[in-house]
PDB file of N, CA and C in Angstrom:
ATOM      1  N   PHE A   1       1.637  -0.093  16.784  1.00  0.00           N
ATOM      2  CA  PHE A   1       1.796   0.431  15.400  1.00  0.00           C
ATOM      3  C   PHE A   1       0.586  -0.020  14.442  1.00  0.00           C
ATOM      4  N   ARG A   2       0.065  -1.218  14.868  1.00  0.00           N
ATOM      5  CA  ARG A   2      -1.033  -1.762  14.040  1.00  0.00           C
ATOM      6  C   ARG A   2      -2.179  -0.762  13.991  1.00  0.00           C
ATOM      7  N   SER A   3      -2.567  -0.247  15.126  1.00  0.00           N
ATOM      8  CA  SER A   3      -3.658   0.707  15.183  1.00  0.00           C
ATOM      9  C   SER A   3      -3.313   2.011  14.433  1.00  0.00           C
ATOM     10  N   LEU A   4      -2.095   2.450  14.602  1.00  0.00           N
ATOM     11  CA  LEU A   4      -1.654   3.681  13.841  1.00  0.00           C
ATOM     12  C   LEU A   4      -1.722   3.505  12.351  1.00  0.00           C
ATOM     13  N   ILE A   5      -1.288   2.368  11.858  1.00  0.00           N
ATOM     14  CA  ILE A   5      -1.340   2.042  10.474  1.00  0.00           C
ATOM     15  C   ILE A   5      -2.748   2.026  10.013  1.00  0.00           C
ATOM     16  N   ARG A   6      -3.647   1.384  10.729  1.00  0.00           N
ATOM     17  CA  ARG A   6      -5.133   1.309  10.373  1.00  0.00           C
ATOM     18  C   ARG A   6      -5.702   2.699  10.311  1.00  0.00           C
ATOM     19  N   ILE A   7      -5.361   3.560  11.308  1.00  0.00           N
ATOM     20  CA  ILE A   7      -5.891   4.947  11.232  1.00  0.00           C
ATOM     21  C   ILE A   7      -5.369   5.596  10.017  1.00  0.00           C
ATOM     22  N   HIS A   8      -4.118   5.484   9.651  1.00  0.00           N
ATOM     23  CA  HIS A   8      -3.587   6.142   8.468  1.00  0.00           C
ATOM     24  C   HIS A   8      -4.357   5.563   7.182  1.00  0.00           C
ATOM     25  N   ALA A   9      -4.626   4.304   7.182  1.00  0.00           N
ATOM     26  CA  ALA A   9      -5.363   3.709   6.053  1.00  0.00           C
ATOM     27  C   ALA A   9      -6.679   4.374   5.877  1.00  0.00           C
ATOM     28  N   TYR A  10      -7.429   4.613   7.019  1.00  0.00           N
ATOM     29  CA  TYR A  10      -8.704   5.285   6.964  1.00  0.00           C
ATOM     30  C   TYR A  10      -8.490   6.723   6.466  1.00  0.00           C
ATOM     31  N   ASN A  11      -7.521   7.410   7.000  1.00  0.00           N
ATOM     32  CA  ASN A  11      -7.300   8.815   6.683  1.00  0.00           C
ATOM     33  C   ASN A  11      -6.819   8.994   5.248  1.00  0.00           C
ATOM     34  N   ALA A  12      -6.110   8.031   4.658  1.00  0.00           N
ATOM     35  CA  ALA A  12      -5.671   8.105   3.318  1.00  0.00           C
ATOM     36  C   ALA A  12      -6.838   8.258   2.307  1.00  0.00           C
ATOM     37  N   TRP A  13      -7.919   7.545   2.598  1.00  0.00           N
ATOM     38  CA  TRP A  13      -9.085   7.610   1.734  1.00  0.00           C
ATOM     39  C   TRP A  13      -9.790   8.911   1.904  1.00  0.00           C
ATOM     40  N   HIS A  14      -9.510   9.683   2.931  1.00  0.00           N
ATOM     41  CA  HIS A  14     -10.075  11.022   3.145  1.00  0.00           C
ATOM     42  C   HIS A  14      -9.143  12.093   2.814  1.00  0.00           C
ATOM     43  N   ASP A  15      -8.030  11.776   2.168  1.00  0.00           N
ATOM     44  CA  ASP A  15      -7.069  12.700   1.702  1.00  0.00           C
ATOM     45  C   ASP A  15      -6.384  13.432   2.838  1.00  0.00           C
ATOM     46  N   ARG A  16      -6.053  12.733   3.854  1.00  0.00           N
ATOM     47  CA  ARG A  16      -5.418  13.341   5.044  1.00  0.00           C
ATOM     48  C   ARG A  16      -4.090  12.728   5.377  1.00  0.00           C
ATOM     49  N   VAL A  17      -3.466  12.005   4.393  1.00  0.00           N
ATOM     50  CA  VAL A  17      -2.258  11.375   4.538  1.00  0.00           C
ATOM     51  C   VAL A  17      -1.375  11.633   3.385  1.00  0.00           C
ATOM     52  N   THR A  18      -0.073  11.840   3.526  1.00  0.00           N
ATOM     53  CA  THR A  18       0.833  12.084   2.352  1.00  0.00           C
ATOM     54  C   THR A  18       1.619  10.761   2.094  1.00  0.00           C
ATOM     55  N   LEU A  19       2.183  10.686   0.913  1.00  0.00           N
ATOM     56  CA  LEU A  19       2.959   9.550   0.574  1.00  0.00           C
ATOM     57  C   LEU A  19       4.201   9.485   1.448  1.00  0.00           C
ATOM     58  N   ASP A  20       4.780  10.630   1.769  1.00  0.00           N
ATOM     59  CA  ASP A  20       5.948  10.658   2.770  1.00  0.00           C
ATOM     60  C   ASP A  20       5.587  10.087   4.080  1.00  0.00           C
ATOM     61  N   GLU A  21       4.379  10.460   4.579  1.00  0.00           N
ATOM     62  CA  GLU A  21       3.963   9.909   5.823  1.00  0.00           C
ATOM     63  C   GLU A  21       3.811   8.363   5.870  1.00  0.00           C
ATOM     64  N   MET A  22       3.349   7.849   4.734  1.00  0.00           N
ATOM     65  CA  MET A  22       3.168   6.457   4.579  1.00  0.00           C
ATOM     66  C   MET A  22       4.564   5.800   4.677  1.00  0.00           C
ATOM     67  N   TRP A  23       5.583   6.310   3.902  1.00  0.00           N
ATOM     68  CA  TRP A  23       6.865   5.693   3.916  1.00  0.00           C
ATOM     69  C   TRP A  23       7.590   5.957   5.261  1.00  0.00           C
ATOM     70  N   ASP A  24       7.294   7.049   5.868  1.00  0.00           N
ATOM     71  CA  ASP A  24       7.917   7.298   7.263  1.00  0.00           C
ATOM     72  C   ASP A  24       7.393   6.305   8.264  1.00  0.00           C
ATOM     73  N   LEU A  25       6.005   6.032   8.136  1.00  0.00           N
ATOM     74  CA  LEU A  25       5.473   5.068   9.095  1.00  0.00           C
ATOM     75  C   LEU A  25       6.073   3.692   8.801  1.00  0.00           C
ATOM     76  N   TYR A  26       6.200   3.313   7.599  1.00  0.00           N
ATOM     77  CA  TYR A  26       6.817   2.047   7.243  1.00  0.00           C
ATOM     78  C   TYR A  26       8.238   1.949   7.880  1.00  0.00           C
ATOM     79  N   ALA A  27       9.036   3.012   7.645  1.00  0.00           N
ATOM     80  CA  ALA A  27      10.386   2.971   8.247  1.00  0.00           C
ATOM     81  C   ALA A  27      10.423   2.964   9.741  1.00  0.00           C
ATOM     82  N   GLU A  28       9.444   3.588  10.340  1.00  0.00           N
ATOM     83  CA  GLU A  28       9.336   3.662  11.839  1.00  0.00           C
ATOM     84  C   GLU A  28       9.074   2.224  12.337  1.00  0.00           C
ATOM     85  N   VAL A  29       8.212   1.502  11.720  1.00  0.00           N
ATOM     86  CA  VAL A  29       7.869   0.218  12.193  1.00  0.00           C
ATOM     87  C   VAL A  29       9.050  -0.726  11.971  1.00  0.00           C
ATOM     88  N   ARG A  30       9.696  -0.593  10.748  1.00  0.00           N
ATOM     89  CA  ARG A  30      10.785  -1.442  10.431  1.00  0.00           C
ATOM     90  C   ARG A  30      11.988  -1.292  11.394  1.00  0.00           C
ATOM     91  N   GLU A  31      12.199  -0.060  11.911  1.00  0.00           N
ATOM     92  CA  GLU A  31      13.316   0.281  12.802  1.00  0.00           C
ATOM     93  C   GLU A  31      12.942  -0.048  14.273  1.00  0.00           C
ATOM     94  N   SER A  32      11.693  -0.242  14.575  1.00  0.00           N
ATOM     95  CA  SER A  32      11.285  -0.443  15.985  1.00  0.00           C
ATOM     96  C   SER A  32      11.804  -1.884  16.428  1.00  0.00           C
ATOM     97  N   GLU A  33      12.203  -1.911  17.645  1.00  0.00           N
ATOM     98  CA  GLU A  33      12.601  -3.125  18.270  1.00  0.00           C
ATOM     99  C   GLU A  33      11.374  -3.865  18.843  1.00  0.00           C
ATOM    100  N   HIS A  34      10.263  -3.144  18.955  1.00  0.00           N
ATOM    101  CA  HIS A  34       9.077  -3.697  19.640  1.00  0.00           C
ATOM    102  C   HIS A  34       8.021  -4.110  18.676  1.00  0.00           C
ATOM    103  N   ALA A  35       8.286  -3.954  17.326  1.00  0.00           N
ATOM    104  CA  ALA A  35       7.264  -4.314  16.358  1.00  0.00           C
ATOM    105  C   ALA A  35       7.859  -5.038  15.124  1.00  0.00           C
ATOM    106  N   GLN A  36       7.040  -5.796  14.487  1.00  0.00           N
ATOM    107  CA  GLN A  36       7.467  -6.453  13.254  1.00  0.00           C
ATOM    108  C   GLN A  36       6.280  -6.469  12.291  1.00  0.00           C
ATOM    109  N   LEU A  37       6.614  -6.092  11.080  1.00  0.00           N
ATOM    110  CA  LEU A  37       5.555  -6.031  10.088  1.00  0.00           C
ATOM    111  C   LEU A  37       5.090  -7.446   9.742  1.00  0.00           C
ATOM    112  N   ASP A  38       3.827  -7.691   9.705  1.00  0.00           N
ATOM    113  CA  ASP A  38       3.251  -8.935   9.364  1.00  0.00           C
ATOM    114  C   ASP A  38       2.359  -8.692   8.097  1.00  0.00           C
ATOM    115  N   VAL A  39       1.761  -9.727   7.584  1.00  0.00           N
ATOM    116  CA  VAL A  39       0.925  -9.548   6.326  1.00  0.00           C
ATOM    117  C   VAL A  39      -0.220  -8.592   6.582  1.00  0.00           C
ATOM    118  N   ASP A  40      -0.839  -8.659   7.731  1.00  0.00           N
ATOM    119  CA  ASP A  40      -1.957  -7.678   7.997  1.00  0.00           C
ATOM    120  C   ASP A  40      -1.504  -6.226   7.944  1.00  0.00           C
ATOM    121  N   MET A  41      -0.240  -5.965   8.523  1.00  0.00           N
ATOM    122  CA  MET A  41       0.235  -4.626   8.460  1.00  0.00           C
ATOM    123  C   MET A  41       0.541  -4.192   7.044  1.00  0.00           C
ATOM    124  N   TYR A  42       1.106  -5.158   6.227  1.00  0.00           N
ATOM    125  CA  TYR A  42       1.341  -4.797   4.808  1.00  0.00           C
ATOM    126  C   TYR A  42       0.035  -4.539   4.089  1.00  0.00           C
ATOM    127  N   ASN A  43      -0.992  -5.336   4.485  1.00  0.00           N
ATOM    128  CA  ASN A  43      -2.289  -5.028   3.846  1.00  0.00           C
ATOM    129  C   ASN A  43      -2.796  -3.659   4.163  1.00  0.00           C
ATOM    130  N   TYR A  44      -2.672  -3.196   5.326  1.00  0.00           N
ATOM    131  CA  TYR A  44      -3.056  -1.796   5.671  1.00  0.00           C
ATOM    132  C   TYR A  44      -2.193  -0.756   5.047  1.00  0.00           C
ATOM    133  N   LEU A  45      -0.840  -1.066   4.905  1.00  0.00           N
ATOM    134  CA  LEU A  45      -0.013  -0.107   4.179  1.00  0.00           C
ATOM    135  C   LEU A  45      -0.485  -0.059   2.730  1.00  0.00           C
ATOM    136  N   LEU A  46      -0.861  -1.164   2.114  1.00  0.00           N
ATOM    137  CA  LEU A  46      -1.322  -1.084   0.721  1.00  0.00           C
ATOM    138  C   LEU A  46      -2.649  -0.343   0.692  1.00  0.00           C
ATOM    139  N   GLU A  47      -3.447  -0.417   1.810  1.00  0.00           N
ATOM    140  CA  GLU A  47      -4.657   0.340   1.818  1.00  0.00           C
ATOM    141  C   GLU A  47      -4.388   1.787   1.832  1.00  0.00           C
ATOM    142  N   ILE A  48      -3.314   2.163   2.607  1.00  0.00           N
ATOM    143  CA  ILE A  48      -2.895   3.606   2.571  1.00  0.00           C
ATOM    144  C   ILE A  48      -2.496   3.974   1.100  1.00  0.00           C
ATOM    145  N   ALA A  49      -1.694   3.192   0.455  1.00  0.00           N
ATOM    146  CA  ALA A  49      -1.283   3.452  -0.872  1.00  0.00           C
ATOM    147  C   ALA A  49      -2.516   3.556  -1.813  1.00  0.00           C
ATOM    148  N   ALA A  50      -3.463   2.682  -1.620  1.00  0.00           N
ATOM    149  CA  ALA A  50      -4.671   2.750  -2.475  1.00  0.00           C
ATOM    150  C   ALA A  50      -5.426   4.047  -2.289  1.00  0.00           C
ATOM    151  N   GLY A  51      -5.601   4.462  -0.979  1.00  0.00           N
ATOM    152  CA  GLY A  51      -6.223   5.726  -0.713  1.00  0.00           C
ATOM    153  C   GLY A  51      -5.503   6.892  -1.376  1.00  0.00           C
ATOM    154  N   LEU A  52      -4.141   6.803  -1.348  1.00  0.00           N
ATOM    155  CA  LEU A  52      -3.291   7.924  -1.899  1.00  0.00           C
ATOM    156  C   LEU A  52      -3.489   7.923  -3.428  1.00  0.00           C
ATOM    157  N   CYS A  53      -3.559   6.716  -4.018  1.00  0.00           N
ATOM    158  CA  CYS A  53      -3.776   6.600  -5.485  1.00  0.00           C
ATOM    159  C   CYS A  53      -5.149   7.189  -5.845  1.00  0.00           C
ATOM    160  N   TYR A  54      -6.129   6.860  -5.061  1.00  0.00           N
ATOM    161  CA  TYR A  54      -7.431   7.434  -5.317  1.00  0.00           C
ATOM    162  C   TYR A  54      -7.408   8.945  -5.401  1.00  0.00           C
ATOM    163  N   HIS A  55      -6.598   9.575  -4.628  1.00  0.00           N
ATOM    164  CA  HIS A  55      -6.463  11.058  -4.568  1.00  0.00           C
ATOM    165  C   HIS A  55      -5.212  11.541  -5.475  1.00  0.00           C
ATOM    166  N   ASN A  56      -4.740  10.644  -6.332  1.00  0.00           N
ATOM    167  CA  ASN A  56      -3.675  10.963  -7.232  1.00  0.00           C
ATOM    168  C   ASN A  56      -2.373  11.369  -6.504  1.00  0.00           C
ATOM    169  N   ARG A  57      -2.029  10.746  -5.393  1.00  0.00           N
ATOM    170  CA  ARG A  57      -0.927  11.103  -4.536  1.00  0.00           C
ATOM    171  C   ARG A  57       0.130  10.029  -4.442  1.00  0.00           C
ATOM    172  N   ALA A  58      -0.047   8.974  -5.159  1.00  0.00           N
ATOM    173  CA  ALA A  58       0.862   7.839  -5.153  1.00  0.00           C
ATOM    174  C   ALA A  58       0.917   7.217  -6.558  1.00  0.00           C
ATOM    175  N   SER A  59       1.833   6.310  -6.743  1.00  0.00           N
ATOM    176  CA  SER A  59       1.949   5.733  -8.072  1.00  0.00           C
ATOM    177  C   SER A  59       1.905   4.180  -7.968  1.00  0.00           C
ATOM    178  N   LEU A  60       1.783   3.541  -9.048  1.00  0.00           N
ATOM    179  CA  LEU A  60       1.718   2.067  -9.140  1.00  0.00           C
ATOM    180  C   LEU A  60       3.059   1.509  -8.582  1.00  0.00           C
ATOM    181  N   ALA A  61       4.156   2.252  -8.777  1.00  0.00           N
ATOM    182  CA  ALA A  61       5.376   1.774  -8.200  1.00  0.00           C
ATOM    183  C   ALA A  61       5.409   1.686  -6.659  1.00  0.00           C
ATOM    184  N   ASP A  62       4.674   2.645  -6.011  1.00  0.00           N
ATOM    185  CA  ASP A  62       4.540   2.567  -4.606  1.00  0.00           C
ATOM    186  C   ASP A  62       3.804   1.300  -4.106  1.00  0.00           C
ATOM    187  N   GLY A  63       2.714   1.006  -4.767  1.00  0.00           N
ATOM    188  CA  GLY A  63       2.013  -0.276  -4.443  1.00  0.00           C
ATOM    189  C   GLY A  63       2.786  -1.484  -4.696  1.00  0.00           C
ATOM    190  N   GLN A  64       3.407  -1.494  -5.870  1.00  0.00           N
ATOM    191  CA  GLN A  64       4.256  -2.727  -6.208  1.00  0.00           C
ATOM    192  C   GLN A  64       5.367  -2.818  -5.232  1.00  0.00           C
ATOM    193  N   ARG A  65       5.993  -1.713  -4.843  1.00  0.00           N
ATOM    194  CA  ARG A  65       7.133  -1.779  -3.875  1.00  0.00           C
ATOM    195  C   ARG A  65       6.695  -2.376  -2.562  1.00  0.00           C
ATOM    196  N   LEU A  66       5.484  -1.916  -2.014  1.00  0.00           N
ATOM    197  CA  LEU A  66       5.058  -2.507  -0.804  1.00  0.00           C
ATOM    198  C   LEU A  66       4.783  -4.037  -0.933  1.00  0.00           C
ATOM    199  N   PHE A  67       4.256  -4.413  -2.034  1.00  0.00           N
ATOM    200  CA  PHE A  67       3.919  -5.818  -2.298  1.00  0.00           C
ATOM    201  C   PHE A  67       5.267  -6.568  -2.313  1.00  0.00           C
ATOM    202  N   GLU A  68       6.314  -6.085  -2.926  1.00  0.00           N
ATOM    203  CA  GLU A  68       7.537  -6.727  -2.989  1.00  0.00           C
ATOM    204  C   GLU A  68       8.280  -6.754  -1.676  1.00  0.00           C
ATOM    205  N   LEU A  69       8.153  -5.682  -0.913  1.00  0.00           N
ATOM    206  CA  LEU A  69       8.723  -5.721   0.481  1.00  0.00           C
ATOM    207  C   LEU A  69       8.070  -6.801   1.302  1.00  0.00           C
ATOM    208  N   CYS A  70       6.828  -6.980   1.140  1.00  0.00           N
ATOM    209  CA  CYS A  70       6.092  -8.056   1.851  1.00  0.00           C
ATOM    210  C   CYS A  70       6.684  -9.387   1.570  1.00  0.00           C
ATOM    211  N   GLU A  71       6.857  -9.628   0.219  1.00  0.00           N
ATOM    212  CA  GLU A  71       7.483 -10.897  -0.239  1.00  0.00           C
ATOM    213  C   GLU A  71       8.918 -11.007   0.247  1.00  0.00           C
ATOM    214  N   GLN A  72       9.704  -9.940   0.231  1.00  0.00           N
ATOM    215  CA  GLN A  72      11.063  -9.964   0.657  1.00  0.00           C
ATOM    216  C   GLN A  72      11.195 -10.357   2.189  1.00  0.00           C
ATOM    217  N   GLU A  73      10.179  -9.988   2.925  1.00  0.00           N
ATOM    218  CA  GLU A  73      10.156 -10.340   4.339  1.00  0.00           C
ATOM    219  C   GLU A  73       9.909 -11.884   4.580  1.00  0.00           C
ATOM    220  N   GLY A  74       9.656 -12.492   3.401  1.00  0.00           N
ATOM    221  CA  GLY A  74       9.344 -13.964   3.601  1.00  0.00           C
ATOM    222  C   GLY A  74       7.867 -14.241   3.820  1.00  0.00           C
ATOM    223  N   LEU A  75       7.087 -13.181   3.725  1.00  0.00           N
ATOM    224  CA  LEU A  75       5.666 -13.333   4.021  1.00  0.00           C
ATOM    225  C   LEU A  75       4.900 -13.638   2.802  1.00  0.00           C
ATOM    226  N   LEU A  76       3.950 -14.539   2.857  1.00  0.00           N
ATOM    227  CA  LEU A  76       3.176 -14.974   1.788  1.00  0.00           C
ATOM    228  C   LEU A  76       1.938 -14.029   1.600  1.00  0.00           C
ATOM    229  N   PRO A  77       1.909 -13.191   0.593  1.00  0.00           N
ATOM    230  CA  PRO A  77       0.831 -12.313   0.376  1.00  0.00           C
ATOM    231  C   PRO A  77      -0.511 -13.079   0.387  1.00  0.00           C
ATOM    232  N   SER A  78      -1.493 -12.507   1.065  1.00  0.00           N
ATOM    233  CA  SER A  78      -2.865 -13.121   1.148  1.00  0.00           C
ATOM    234  C   SER A  78      -3.757 -12.589   0.114  1.00  0.00           C
ATOM    235  N   VAL A  79      -4.914 -13.066   0.059  1.00  0.00           N
ATOM    236  CA  VAL A  79      -5.921 -12.568  -0.866  1.00  0.00           C
ATOM    237  C   VAL A  79      -6.175 -11.073  -0.561  1.00  0.00           C
ATOM    238  N   VAL A  80      -6.121 -10.662   0.595  1.00  0.00           N
ATOM    239  CA  VAL A  80      -6.326  -9.273   1.027  1.00  0.00           C
ATOM    240  C   VAL A  80      -5.167  -8.409   0.484  1.00  0.00           C
ATOM    241  N   THR A  81      -3.977  -8.960   0.480  1.00  0.00           N
ATOM    242  CA  THR A  81      -2.835  -8.253  -0.052  1.00  0.00           C
ATOM    243  C   THR A  81      -3.046  -8.011  -1.550  1.00  0.00           C
ATOM    244  N   TRP A  82      -3.460  -9.014  -2.296  1.00  0.00           N
ATOM    245  CA  TRP A  82      -3.716  -8.861  -3.715  1.00  0.00           C
ATOM    246  C   TRP A  82      -4.842  -7.834  -3.905  1.00  0.00           C
ATOM    247  N   ALA A  83      -5.884  -7.912  -2.968  1.00  0.00           N
ATOM    248  CA  ALA A  83      -6.968  -6.955  -3.133  1.00  0.00           C
ATOM    249  C   ALA A  83      -6.464  -5.518  -2.932  1.00  0.00           C
ATOM    250  N   GLY A  84      -5.524  -5.373  -2.044  1.00  0.00           N
ATOM    251  CA  GLY A  84      -4.931  -3.951  -1.794  1.00  0.00           C
ATOM    252  C   GLY A  84      -4.139  -3.496  -3.031  1.00  0.00           C
ATOM    253  N   LEU A  85      -3.461  -4.427  -3.723  1.00  0.00           N
ATOM    254  CA  LEU A  85      -2.881  -4.022  -4.940  1.00  0.00           C
ATOM    255  C   LEU A  85      -3.853  -3.647  -6.072  1.00  0.00           C
ATOM    256  N   ILE A  86      -4.953  -4.412  -6.083  1.00  0.00           N
ATOM    257  CA  ILE A  86      -6.042  -4.128  -7.038  1.00  0.00           C
ATOM    258  C   ILE A  86      -6.640  -2.702  -6.722  1.00  0.00           C
ATOM    259  N   ASP A  87      -6.777  -2.380  -5.443  1.00  0.00           N
ATOM    260  CA  ASP A  87      -7.277  -1.114  -5.064  1.00  0.00           C
ATOM    261  C   ASP A  87      -6.341   0.034  -5.568  1.00  0.00           C
ATOM    262  N   VAL A  88      -5.012  -0.276  -5.438  1.00  0.00           N
ATOM    263  CA  VAL A  88      -4.035   0.697  -5.976  1.00  0.00           C
ATOM    264  C   VAL A  88      -4.284   0.953  -7.472  1.00  0.00           C
ATOM    265  N   VAL A  89      -4.417  -0.125  -8.240  1.00  0.00           N
ATOM    266  CA  VAL A  89      -4.652   0.029  -9.694  1.00  0.00           C
ATOM    267  C   VAL A  89      -5.913   0.702  -9.984  1.00  0.00           C
ATOM    268  N   VAL A  90      -6.999   0.414  -9.216  1.00  0.00           N
ATOM    269  CA  VAL A  90      -8.319   1.096  -9.424  1.00  0.00           C
ATOM    270  C   VAL A  90      -8.186   2.577  -9.124  1.00  0.00           C
ATOM    271  N   GLY A  91      -7.563   2.951  -8.022  1.00  0.00           N
ATOM    272  CA  GLY A  91      -7.294   4.338  -7.762  1.00  0.00           C
ATOM    273  C   GLY A  91      -6.542   5.128  -8.790  1.00  0.00           C
ATOM    274  N   LEU A  92      -5.565   4.427  -9.384  1.00  0.00           N
ATOM    275  CA  LEU A  92      -4.783   5.034 -10.488  1.00  0.00           C
ATOM    276  C   LEU A  92      -5.603   5.172 -11.736  1.00  0.00           C
ATOM    277  N   ALA A  93      -6.451   4.120 -12.012  1.00  0.00           N
ATOM    278  CA  ALA A  93      -7.285   4.109 -13.217  1.00  0.00           C
ATOM    279  C   ALA A  93      -8.229   5.321 -13.183  1.00  0.00           C
ATOM    280  N   ARG A  94      -8.652   5.614 -11.976  1.00  0.00           N
ATOM    281  CA  ARG A  94      -9.576   6.819 -11.851  1.00  0.00           C
ATOM    282  C   ARG A  94      -8.999   8.071 -12.477  1.00  0.00           C
ATOM    283  N   HIS A  95      -7.657   8.154 -12.403  1.00  0.00           N
ATOM    284  CA  HIS A  95      -6.964   9.276 -12.916  1.00  0.00           C
ATOM    285  C   HIS A  95      -6.226   9.052 -14.203  1.00  0.00           C
ATOM    286  N   ARG A  96      -6.536   7.870 -14.844  1.00  0.00           N
ATOM    287  CA  ARG A  96      -5.937   7.410 -16.076  1.00  0.00           C
ATOM    288  C   ARG A  96      -4.368   7.340 -15.958  1.00  0.00           C
ATOM    289  N   LYS A  97      -3.953   6.912 -14.794  1.00  0.00           N
ATOM    290  CA  LYS A  97      -2.500   6.816 -14.530  1.00  0.00           C
ATOM    291  C   LYS A  97      -1.943   5.387 -14.647  1.00  0.00           C
ATOM    292  N   VAL A  98      -2.818   4.471 -15.101  1.00  0.00           N
ATOM    293  CA  VAL A  98      -2.364   3.114 -15.319  1.00  0.00           C
ATOM    294  C   VAL A  98      -3.090   2.582 -16.552  1.00  0.00           C
ATOM    295  N   THR A  99      -2.359   1.813 -17.215  1.00  0.00           N
ATOM    296  CA  THR A  99      -2.903   1.197 -18.490  1.00  0.00           C
ATOM    297  C   THR A  99      -3.307  -0.222 -18.279  1.00  0.00           C
ATOM    298  N   GLY A 100      -4.168  -0.671 -19.199  1.00  0.00           N
ATOM    299  CA  GLY A 100      -4.549  -2.087 -19.104  1.00  0.00           C
ATOM    300  C   GLY A 100      -3.437  -3.021 -19.209  1.00  0.00           C
ATOM    301  N   GLU A 101      -2.442  -2.654 -20.005  1.00  0.00           N
ATOM    302  CA  GLU A 101      -1.217  -3.404 -20.185  1.00  0.00           C
ATOM    303  C   GLU A 101      -0.480  -3.567 -18.869  1.00  0.00           C
ATOM    304  N   GLN A 102      -0.377  -2.392 -18.107  1.00  0.00           N
ATOM    305  CA  GLN A 102       0.416  -2.446 -16.847  1.00  0.00           C
ATOM    306  C   GLN A 102      -0.375  -3.426 -15.822  1.00  0.00           C
ATOM    307  N   ALA A 103      -1.684  -3.235 -15.822  1.00  0.00           N
ATOM    308  CA  ALA A 103      -2.469  -4.124 -14.926  1.00  0.00           C
ATOM    309  C   ALA A 103      -2.292  -5.617 -15.250  1.00  0.00           C
ATOM    310  N   ARG A 104      -2.345  -5.879 -16.590  1.00  0.00           N
ATOM    311  CA  ARG A 104      -2.120  -7.237 -17.037  1.00  0.00           C
ATOM    312  C   ARG A 104      -0.797  -7.748 -16.565  1.00  0.00           C
ATOM    313  N   ASP A 105       0.281  -6.968 -16.709  1.00  0.00           N
ATOM    314  CA  ASP A 105       1.540  -7.366 -16.284  1.00  0.00           C
ATOM    315  C   ASP A 105       1.652  -7.659 -14.800  1.00  0.00           C
ATOM    316  N   ILE A 106       0.949  -6.973 -13.994  1.00  0.00           N
ATOM    317  CA  ILE A 106       0.899  -7.189 -12.556  1.00  0.00           C
ATOM    318  C   ILE A 106       0.165  -8.475 -12.176  1.00  0.00           C
ATOM    319  N   PHE A 107      -0.955  -8.611 -12.759  1.00  0.00           N
ATOM    320  CA  PHE A 107      -1.786  -9.733 -12.369  1.00  0.00           C
ATOM    321  C   PHE A 107      -1.707 -10.963 -13.227  1.00  0.00           C
ATOM    322  N   GLY A 108      -0.881 -10.798 -14.250  1.00  0.00           N
ATOM    323  CA  GLY A 108      -0.501 -11.897 -15.191  1.00  0.00           C
ATOM    324  C   GLY A 108      -1.601 -12.675 -15.710  1.00  0.00           C
TER     325      GLY A 108
END
């Protein structure tokens, strides 16, 4: 699954992934008996969300939800995880879909 998530992350930046595909991939990994999401996998899922945001296909709520799911798993978000969330905000800012106030609330 790790390689598949990385491929989707690359493809998201080239507008070849949908939001539904990202969430379906997340669900597939969660339901698998042979895989477990770790921080690196969440980082790549956030990269998919960032690519989708860059193409105006995802929302801030999608990025925040992935970040929260990572924390709910008991995983400590890394610097890369935070960078993924920043990429989500930047992608949305490109389309004026996020305000400075929302960004401030996220990054405190």
